[in-house]
PDB file of all heavy atoms in Angstrom:
ATOM      1  N   TYR A   1     -15.910   9.491   6.121  1.00  0.00           N
ATOM      2  CA  TYR A   1     -15.403   8.633   7.190  1.00  0.00           C
ATOM      3  C   TYR A   1     -14.933   7.296   6.627  1.00  0.00           C
ATOM      4  O   TYR A   1     -13.927   6.742   7.052  1.00  0.00           O
ATOM      5  CB  TYR A   1     -16.523   8.421   8.215  1.00  0.00           C
ATOM      6  CG  TYR A   1     -16.076   8.065   9.609  1.00  0.00           C
ATOM      7  CD1 TYR A   1     -15.350   8.961  10.380  1.00  0.00           C
ATOM      8  CD2 TYR A   1     -16.418   6.832  10.163  1.00  0.00           C
ATOM      9  CE1 TYR A   1     -14.965   8.634  11.669  1.00  0.00           C
ATOM     10  CE2 TYR A   1     -16.043   6.506  11.456  1.00  0.00           C
ATOM     11  CZ  TYR A   1     -15.312   7.412  12.205  1.00  0.00           C
ATOM     12  OH  TYR A   1     -14.932   7.086  13.479  1.00  0.00           O
ATOM     13  N   GLY A   2     -15.663   6.782   5.635  1.00  0.00           N
ATOM     14  CA  GLY A   2     -15.275   5.531   5.003  1.00  0.00           C
ATOM     15  C   GLY A   2     -14.003   5.670   4.186  1.00  0.00           C
ATOM     16  O   GLY A   2     -13.172   4.755   4.150  1.00  0.00           O
ATOM     17  N   ILE A   3     -13.825   6.806   3.535  1.00  0.00           N
ATOM     18  CA  ILE A   3     -12.594   7.048   2.775  1.00  0.00           C
ATOM     19  C   ILE A   3     -11.408   7.138   3.717  1.00  0.00           C
ATOM     20  O   ILE A   3     -10.321   6.602   3.445  1.00  0.00           O
ATOM     21  CB  ILE A   3     -12.733   8.329   1.936  1.00  0.00           C
ATOM     22  CG1 ILE A   3     -13.813   8.130   0.858  1.00  0.00           C
ATOM     23  CG2 ILE A   3     -11.410   8.716   1.298  1.00  0.00           C
ATOM     24  CD1 ILE A   3     -14.153   9.389   0.099  1.00  0.00           C
ATOM     25  N   LEU A   4     -11.602   7.806   4.866  1.00  0.00           N
ATOM     26  CA  LEU A   4     -10.535   7.880   5.867  1.00  0.00           C
ATOM     27  C   LEU A   4     -10.175   6.490   6.371  1.00  0.00           C
ATOM     28  O   LEU A   4      -8.987   6.160   6.532  1.00  0.00           O
ATOM     29  CB  LEU A   4     -10.982   8.766   7.025  1.00  0.00           C
ATOM     30  CG  LEU A   4      -9.977   8.943   8.167  1.00  0.00           C
ATOM     31  CD1 LEU A   4      -8.704   9.607   7.664  1.00  0.00           C
ATOM     32  CD2 LEU A   4     -10.595   9.759   9.306  1.00  0.00           C
ATOM     33  N   ALA A   5     -11.184   5.651   6.609  1.00  0.00           N
ATOM     34  CA  ALA A   5     -10.926   4.280   7.055  1.00  0.00           C
ATOM     35  C   ALA A   5     -10.143   3.510   6.001  1.00  0.00           C
ATOM     36  O   ALA A   5      -9.234   2.728   6.337  1.00  0.00           O
ATOM     37  CB  ALA A   5     -12.255   3.578   7.356  1.00  0.00           C
ATOM     38  N   LEU A   6     -10.460   3.721   4.737  1.00  0.00           N
ATOM     39  CA  LEU A   6      -9.732   3.056   3.655  1.00  0.00           C
ATOM     40  C   LEU A   6      -8.264   3.475   3.650  1.00  0.00           C
ATOM     41  O   LEU A   6      -7.366   2.635   3.541  1.00  0.00           O
ATOM     42  CB  LEU A   6     -10.382   3.397   2.312  1.00  0.00           C
ATOM     43  CG  LEU A   6      -9.612   2.973   1.056  1.00  0.00           C
ATOM     44  CD1 LEU A   6      -9.537   1.455   0.958  1.00  0.00           C
ATOM     45  CD2 LEU A   6     -10.279   3.556  -0.193  1.00  0.00           C
ATOM     46  N   LEU A   7      -8.006   4.749   3.768  1.00  0.00           N
ATOM     47  CA  LEU A   7      -6.628   5.247   3.731  1.00  0.00           C
ATOM     48  C   LEU A   7      -5.819   4.755   4.922  1.00  0.00           C
ATOM     49  O   LEU A   7      -4.645   4.389   4.782  1.00  0.00           O
ATOM     50  CB  LEU A   7      -6.635   6.782   3.700  1.00  0.00           C
ATOM     51  CG  LEU A   7      -7.218   7.430   2.443  1.00  0.00           C
ATOM     52  CD1 LEU A   7      -7.287   8.942   2.603  1.00  0.00           C
ATOM     53  CD2 LEU A   7      -6.397   7.050   1.219  1.00  0.00           C
ATOM     54  N   LEU A   8      -6.437   4.726   6.092  1.00  0.00           N
ATOM     55  CA  LEU A   8      -5.710   4.345   7.300  1.00  0.00           C
ATOM     56  C   LEU A   8      -5.488   2.845   7.407  1.00  0.00           C
ATOM     57  O   LEU A   8      -4.518   2.404   8.033  1.00  0.00           O
ATOM     58  CB  LEU A   8      -6.480   4.825   8.540  1.00  0.00           C
ATOM     59  CG  LEU A   8      -6.567   6.335   8.724  1.00  0.00           C
ATOM     60  CD1 LEU A   8      -7.536   6.680   9.840  1.00  0.00           C
ATOM     61  CD2 LEU A   8      -5.189   6.920   9.022  1.00  0.00           C
ATOM     62  N   GLY A   9      -6.368   2.063   6.814  1.00  0.00           N
ATOM     63  CA  GLY A   9      -6.230   0.615   6.864  1.00  0.00           C
ATOM     64  C   GLY A   9      -5.533   0.071   5.641  1.00  0.00           C
ATOM     65  O   GLY A   9      -4.325  -0.167   5.632  1.00  0.00           O
ATOM     66  N   ARG A  10      -6.271  -0.100   4.577  1.00  0.00           N
ATOM     67  CA  ARG A  10      -5.708  -0.658   3.343  1.00  0.00           C
ATOM     68  C   ARG A  10      -4.659   0.269   2.732  1.00  0.00           C
ATOM     69  O   ARG A  10      -3.682  -0.183   2.133  1.00  0.00           O
ATOM     70  CB  ARG A  10      -6.832  -0.934   2.364  1.00  0.00           C
ATOM     71  CG  ARG A  10      -7.790  -2.035   2.844  1.00  0.00           C
ATOM     72  CD  ARG A  10      -9.046  -2.074   2.003  1.00  0.00           C
ATOM     73  NE  ARG A  10      -9.900  -3.202   2.334  1.00  0.00           N
ATOM     74  CZ  ARG A  10     -10.895  -3.145   3.235  1.00  0.00           C
ATOM     75  NH1 ARG A  10     -11.110  -2.029   3.912  1.00  0.00           N
ATOM     76  NH2 ARG A  10     -11.632  -4.222   3.480  1.00  0.00           N
ATOM     77  N   GLY A  11      -4.853   1.582   2.869  1.00  0.00           N
ATOM     78  CA  GLY A  11      -3.882   2.522   2.321  1.00  0.00           C
ATOM     79  C   GLY A  11      -2.526   2.410   2.985  1.00  0.00           C
ATOM     80  O   GLY A  11      -1.481   2.469   2.319  1.00  0.00           O
ATOM     81  N   LEU A  12      -2.532   2.246   4.308  1.00  0.00           N
ATOM     82  CA  LEU A  12      -1.265   2.104   5.030  1.00  0.00           C
ATOM     83  C   LEU A  12      -0.552   0.820   4.620  1.00  0.00           C
ATOM     84  O   LEU A  12       0.676   0.813   4.424  1.00  0.00           O
ATOM     85  CB  LEU A  12      -1.516   2.109   6.544  1.00  0.00           C
ATOM     86  CG  LEU A  12      -0.268   2.030   7.417  1.00  0.00           C
ATOM     87  CD1 LEU A  12       0.642   3.235   7.186  1.00  0.00           C
ATOM     88  CD2 LEU A  12      -0.647   1.935   8.899  1.00  0.00           C
ATOM     89  N   TYR A  13      -1.306  -0.258   4.455  1.00  0.00           N
ATOM     90  CA  TYR A  13      -0.699  -1.498   3.980  1.00  0.00           C
ATOM     91  C   TYR A  13      -0.140  -1.314   2.571  1.00  0.00           C
ATOM     92  O   TYR A  13       0.938  -1.833   2.238  1.00  0.00           O
ATOM     93  CB  TYR A  13      -1.700  -2.652   3.977  1.00  0.00           C
ATOM     94  CG  TYR A  13      -1.066  -3.954   3.547  1.00  0.00           C
ATOM     95  CD1 TYR A  13      -0.426  -4.764   4.471  1.00  0.00           C
ATOM     96  CD2 TYR A  13      -1.072  -4.345   2.208  1.00  0.00           C
ATOM     97  CE1 TYR A  13       0.187  -5.940   4.072  1.00  0.00           C
ATOM     98  CE2 TYR A  13      -0.452  -5.516   1.800  1.00  0.00           C
ATOM     99  CZ  TYR A  13       0.168  -6.312   2.740  1.00  0.00           C
ATOM    100  OH  TYR A  13       0.791  -7.465   2.341  1.00  0.00           O
ATOM    101  N   GLY A  14      -0.851  -0.574   1.737  1.00  0.00           N
ATOM    102  CA  GLY A  14      -0.360  -0.322   0.385  1.00  0.00           C
ATOM    103  C   GLY A  14       0.974   0.393   0.396  1.00  0.00           C
ATOM    104  O   GLY A  14       1.882   0.065  -0.383  1.00  0.00           O
ATOM    105  N   LEU A  15       1.098   1.379   1.294  1.00  0.00           N
ATOM    106  CA  LEU A  15       2.353   2.126   1.380  1.00  0.00           C
ATOM    107  C   LEU A  15       3.495   1.240   1.847  1.00  0.00           C
ATOM    108  O   LEU A  15       4.596   1.258   1.270  1.00  0.00           O
ATOM    109  CB  LEU A  15       2.174   3.304   2.346  1.00  0.00           C
ATOM    110  CG  LEU A  15       3.444   4.096   2.683  1.00  0.00           C
ATOM    111  CD1 LEU A  15       3.961   4.824   1.454  1.00  0.00           C
ATOM    112  CD2 LEU A  15       3.172   5.077   3.821  1.00  0.00           C
ATOM    113  N   VAL A  16       3.251   0.461   2.879  1.00  0.00           N
ATOM    114  CA  VAL A  16       4.320  -0.317   3.520  1.00  0.00           C
ATOM    115  C   VAL A  16       4.579  -1.637   2.805  1.00  0.00           C
ATOM    116  O   VAL A  16       5.727  -2.107   2.763  1.00  0.00           O
ATOM    117  CB  VAL A  16       3.959  -0.567   5.003  1.00  0.00           C
ATOM    118  CG1 VAL A  16       4.965  -1.501   5.661  1.00  0.00           C
ATOM    119  CG2 VAL A  16       3.907   0.757   5.752  1.00  0.00           C
ATOM    120  N   GLY A  17       3.533  -2.262   2.222  1.00  0.00           N
ATOM    121  CA  GLY A  17       3.695  -3.581   1.635  1.00  0.00           C
ATOM    122  C   GLY A  17       3.636  -3.645   0.119  1.00  0.00           C
ATOM    123  O   GLY A  17       4.440  -4.326  -0.514  1.00  0.00           O
ATOM    124  N   LEU A  18       2.695  -2.911  -0.473  1.00  0.00           N
ATOM    125  CA  LEU A  18       2.488  -3.046  -1.917  1.00  0.00           C
ATOM    126  C   LEU A  18       3.468  -2.216  -2.741  1.00  0.00           C
ATOM    127  O   LEU A  18       3.923  -2.673  -3.798  1.00  0.00           O
ATOM    128  CB  LEU A  18       1.051  -2.671  -2.273  1.00  0.00           C
ATOM    129  CG  LEU A  18      -0.040  -3.570  -1.660  1.00  0.00           C
ATOM    130  CD1 LEU A  18      -1.410  -3.151  -2.162  1.00  0.00           C
ATOM    131  CD2 LEU A  18       0.215  -5.043  -1.962  1.00  0.00           C
ATOM    132  N   LEU A  19       3.794  -1.017  -2.298  1.00  0.00           N
ATOM    133  CA  LEU A  19       4.790  -0.236  -3.034  1.00  0.00           C
ATOM    134  C   LEU A  19       6.156  -0.934  -3.060  1.00  0.00           C
ATOM    135  O   LEU A  19       6.790  -1.014  -4.116  1.00  0.00           O
ATOM    136  CB  LEU A  19       4.897   1.167  -2.458  1.00  0.00           C
ATOM    137  CG  LEU A  19       3.763   2.136  -2.842  1.00  0.00           C
ATOM    138  CD1 LEU A  19       3.997   3.505  -2.220  1.00  0.00           C
ATOM    139  CD2 LEU A  19       3.631   2.253  -4.340  1.00  0.00           C
ATOM    140  N   PRO A  20       6.643  -1.459  -1.919  1.00  0.00           N
ATOM    141  CA  PRO A  20       7.870  -2.253  -1.993  1.00  0.00           C
ATOM    142  C   PRO A  20       7.730  -3.476  -2.903  1.00  0.00           C
ATOM    143  O   PRO A  20       8.700  -3.876  -3.559  1.00  0.00           O
ATOM    144  CB  PRO A  20       8.109  -2.676  -0.539  1.00  0.00           C
ATOM    145  CG  PRO A  20       7.473  -1.598   0.264  1.00  0.00           C
ATOM    146  CD  PRO A  20       6.257  -1.209  -0.522  1.00  0.00           C
ATOM    147  N   MET A  21       6.531  -4.056  -2.970  1.00  0.00           N
ATOM    148  CA  MET A  21       6.315  -5.199  -3.859  1.00  0.00           C
ATOM    149  C   MET A  21       6.455  -4.776  -5.318  1.00  0.00           C
ATOM    150  O   MET A  21       7.051  -5.511  -6.128  1.00  0.00           O
ATOM    151  CB  MET A  21       4.923  -5.794  -3.607  1.00  0.00           C
ATOM    152  CG  MET A  21       4.702  -7.145  -4.279  1.00  0.00           C
ATOM    153  SD  MET A  21       3.042  -7.823  -3.902  1.00  0.00           S
ATOM    154  CE  MET A  21       3.174  -8.053  -2.131  1.00  0.00           C
ATOM    155  N   LEU A  22       5.938  -3.615  -5.671  1.00  0.00           N
ATOM    156  CA  LEU A  22       6.089  -3.107  -7.033  1.00  0.00           C
ATOM    157  C   LEU A  22       7.562  -2.878  -7.374  1.00  0.00           C
ATOM    158  O   LEU A  22       8.022  -3.227  -8.472  1.00  0.00           O
ATOM    159  CB  LEU A  22       5.318  -1.798  -7.193  1.00  0.00           C
ATOM    160  CG  LEU A  22       3.788  -1.884  -7.164  1.00  0.00           C
ATOM    161  CD1 LEU A  22       3.181  -0.488  -7.161  1.00  0.00           C
ATOM    162  CD2 LEU A  22       3.280  -2.680  -8.346  1.00  0.00           C
ATOM    163  N   ILE A  23       8.282  -2.310  -6.408  1.00  0.00           N
ATOM    164  CA  ILE A  23       9.710  -2.086  -6.627  1.00  0.00           C
ATOM    165  C   ILE A  23      10.439  -3.409  -6.782  1.00  0.00           C
ATOM    166  O   ILE A  23      11.269  -3.598  -7.684  1.00  0.00           O
ATOM    167  CB  ILE A  23      10.301  -1.261  -5.465  1.00  0.00           C
ATOM    168  CG1 ILE A  23       9.721   0.158  -5.489  1.00  0.00           C
ATOM    169  CG2 ILE A  23      11.828  -1.218  -5.548  1.00  0.00           C
ATOM    170  CD1 ILE A  23      10.066   0.974  -4.263  1.00  0.00           C
ATOM    171  N   GLY A  24      10.118  -4.357  -5.897  1.00  0.00           N
ATOM    172  CA  GLY A  24      10.746  -5.673  -5.986  1.00  0.00           C
ATOM    173  C   GLY A  24      10.462  -6.358  -7.301  1.00  0.00           C
ATOM    174  O   GLY A  24      11.351  -6.988  -7.897  1.00  0.00           O
ATOM    175  N   ALA A  25       9.229  -6.238  -7.793  1.00  0.00           N
ATOM    176  CA  ALA A  25       8.880  -6.869  -9.068  1.00  0.00           C
ATOM    177  C   ALA A  25       9.673  -6.258 -10.219  1.00  0.00           C
ATOM    178  O   ALA A  25      10.163  -6.978 -11.104  1.00  0.00           O
ATOM    179  CB  ALA A  25       7.379  -6.733  -9.320  1.00  0.00           C
ATOM    180  N   SER A  26       9.817  -4.939 -10.212  1.00  0.00           N
ATOM    181  CA  SER A  26      10.585  -4.300 -11.295  1.00  0.00           C
ATOM    182  C   SER A  26      12.049  -4.712 -11.242  1.00  0.00           C
ATOM    183  O   SER A  26      12.680  -4.939 -12.284  1.00  0.00           O
ATOM    184  CB  SER A  26      10.448  -2.779 -11.200  1.00  0.00           C
ATOM    185  OG  SER A  26      11.084  -2.271 -10.032  1.00  0.00           O
ATOM    186  N   TRP A  27      12.591  -4.826 -10.036  1.00  0.00           N
ATOM    187  CA  TRP A  27      13.977  -5.286  -9.904  1.00  0.00           C
ATOM    188  C   TRP A  27      14.112  -6.750 -10.304  1.00  0.00           C
ATOM    189  O   TRP A  27      15.104  -7.162 -10.893  1.00  0.00           O
ATOM    190  CB  TRP A  27      14.483  -5.072  -8.485  1.00  0.00           C
ATOM    191  CG  TRP A  27      14.695  -3.622  -8.140  1.00  0.00           C
ATOM    192  CD1 TRP A  27      14.601  -2.559  -8.989  1.00  0.00           C
ATOM    193  CD2 TRP A  27      15.024  -3.090  -6.863  1.00  0.00           C
ATOM    194  NE1 TRP A  27      14.856  -1.385  -8.332  1.00  0.00           N
ATOM    195  CE2 TRP A  27      15.124  -1.673  -7.013  1.00  0.00           C
ATOM    196  CE3 TRP A  27      15.233  -3.642  -5.610  1.00  0.00           C
ATOM    197  CZ2 TRP A  27      15.439  -0.831  -5.954  1.00  0.00           C
ATOM    198  CZ3 TRP A  27      15.561  -2.806  -4.540  1.00  0.00           C
ATOM    199  CH2 TRP A  27      15.653  -1.416  -4.719  1.00  0.00           C
ATOM    200  N   GLY A  28      13.106  -7.546  -9.957  1.00  0.00           N
ATOM    201  CA  GLY A  28      13.131  -8.957 -10.319  1.00  0.00           C
ATOM    202  C   GLY A  28      13.157  -9.168 -11.816  1.00  0.00           C
ATOM    203  O   GLY A  28      13.821 -10.089 -12.324  1.00  0.00           O
TER     204      GLY A  28
END
């Protein structure tokens, strides 16, 4: 249940916010 909470909360932010940040950093 805790792993599911991690994926749905922080994991969703990682998909929407952190992956684009990684792409932006490489382009930068």
